[in-house]
Protein backbone atom coordinates (compact mmCIF):
# COMPACT_ATOMS: atom_id res chain seq x y z
CA MET A 1 108.70 116.44 124.80
CA LEU A 2 111.36 115.77 122.18
CA GLU A 3 113.62 114.27 124.81
CA PHE A 4 110.83 111.92 125.83
CA VAL A 5 110.32 110.76 122.25
CA LEU A 6 114.06 110.26 121.79
CA LEU A 7 114.30 108.29 125.01
CA GLN A 8 111.60 105.94 123.73
CA ALA A 9 113.61 105.10 120.59
CA PRO A 10 114.65 101.43 120.53
CA LYS A 11 118.22 100.65 121.44
CA GLU A 12 120.60 98.93 119.05
CA GLY A 13 119.46 95.36 118.51
CA GLY A 14 115.97 96.34 119.75
CA SER A 15 112.72 95.33 118.01
CA ASN A 16 110.92 97.60 115.55
CA ILE A 17 107.63 95.65 115.70
CA GLY A 18 105.85 98.51 117.46
CA THR A 19 106.91 100.97 114.77
CA PHE A 20 105.72 98.67 111.99
CA LEU A 21 102.36 98.10 113.80
CA MET A 22 101.92 101.87 114.16
CA MET A 23 102.64 102.47 110.45
CA GLY A 24 100.24 99.63 109.48
CA GLY A 25 97.53 101.15 111.72
CA MET A 26 98.00 104.54 110.11
CA ALA A 27 97.74 103.02 106.66
CA ALA A 28 94.50 101.25 107.67
CA VAL A 29 93.04 104.50 109.00
CA PHE A 30 93.91 106.33 105.79
CA TYR A 31 92.32 103.60 103.70
CA PHE A 32 89.05 103.31 105.63
CA PHE A 33 88.52 107.01 106.26
CA MET A 34 89.87 108.58 103.04
CA ILE A 35 90.42 106.20 100.13
CA ARG A 36 87.48 103.79 100.50
CA PRO A 37 84.74 106.46 100.83
CA GLN A 38 86.08 108.28 97.73
CA GLN A 39 86.07 105.05 95.71
CA LYS A 40 82.48 104.36 96.80
CA LYS A 41 81.36 107.87 95.84
CA SER A 42 83.07 107.56 92.44
CA LYS A 43 81.45 104.21 91.78
CA GLU A 44 77.98 105.60 92.61
CA ALA A 45 78.50 108.57 90.31
CA LYS A 46 79.59 106.28 87.46
CA LEU A 47 76.52 104.05 87.93
CA PHE A 48 74.23 107.09 87.93
CA LYS A 49 75.72 108.50 84.73
CA GLU A 50 75.29 105.11 82.98
CA SER A 51 71.67 104.79 84.13
CA MET A 52 70.49 108.25 83.06
CA LYS A 53 67.30 108.20 80.98
CA LYS A 54 64.91 110.63 79.35
CA GLY A 55 62.78 112.49 81.92
CA ASP A 56 65.23 112.40 84.82
CA ASN A 57 65.71 115.62 86.73
CA ILE A 58 69.39 116.44 87.03
CA VAL A 59 71.83 119.04 88.38
CA THR A 60 74.96 119.93 86.44
CA ILE A 61 78.36 120.62 87.97
CA GLY A 62 77.72 124.31 87.33
CA GLY A 63 74.45 124.17 89.33
CA LEU A 64 72.01 124.19 86.41
CA HIS A 65 68.80 122.30 87.14
CA GLY A 66 66.87 120.66 84.32
CA LYS A 67 65.20 117.56 82.89
CA ILE A 68 66.78 115.25 80.35
CA ALA A 69 64.93 115.82 77.06
CA SER A 70 66.87 113.29 75.05
CA ILE A 71 70.11 111.30 74.99
CA GLU A 72 72.11 112.28 71.88
CA SER A 73 74.92 109.77 72.04
CA ASP A 74 76.96 107.81 74.58
CA ASP A 75 78.48 111.00 75.92
CA THR A 76 76.01 113.88 75.26
CA ILE A 77 72.53 114.67 76.45
CA MET A 78 69.94 117.44 75.76
CA VAL A 79 68.67 119.07 78.93
CA GLU A 80 65.44 121.10 79.03
CA VAL A 81 65.93 123.93 81.50
CA ASP A 82 62.76 125.92 80.88
CA LYS A 83 59.73 125.82 78.63
CA GLY A 84 61.23 124.76 75.29
CA ILE A 85 64.81 125.83 76.07
CA LYS A 86 67.17 122.92 75.52
CA LEU A 87 70.90 122.82 76.09
CA LYS A 88 73.40 120.20 75.06
CA PHE A 89 75.73 118.84 77.83
CA GLU A 90 78.34 116.17 78.19
CA LYS A 91 77.28 113.35 80.52
CA THR A 92 80.38 113.99 82.57
CA SER A 93 79.10 117.49 83.45
CA VAL A 94 76.11 116.00 85.31
CA SER A 95 76.60 116.12 89.03
CA ALA A 96 73.63 114.38 90.55
CA GLU A 97 69.99 113.52 90.25
CA ALA A 98 67.85 116.55 91.36
CA THR A 99 65.44 114.39 93.39
CA LYS A 100 68.28 112.97 95.42
CA LYS A 101 69.67 116.49 95.99
CA ALA A 102 66.27 117.59 97.29
CA GLN A 103 66.14 114.69 99.77
CA THR A 104 69.39 115.59 101.55
CA PRO A 105 68.77 117.62 104.66
CA GLU A 106 70.04 121.19 104.67
CA VAL A 107 72.12 122.64 107.50
CA VAL A 108 70.36 125.46 109.29
CA LYS A 109 72.61 128.24 110.58
């Protein structure tokens, strides 16, 4: 197989347009299948964290489910996890809205 690849290499004075097209195609694939979806996900998470309000059900990065009791400042919130038990969290530790997590279908094994 290596001999076949080496035989396909362009001769001196040959054109490298095919190589450049292949590299450009690979860059496009990386962008559309890896970089762009990650940017979209990051943007959605940022919008969610900015739009949090009192009464929203949330899930933290650690998996704690609760309801926002109050918003302390621009970067901290109080989360009610049980009857009267409130915990203080950074907004950056909130993973997702619990109602959206419940709507995603689970994979059955």
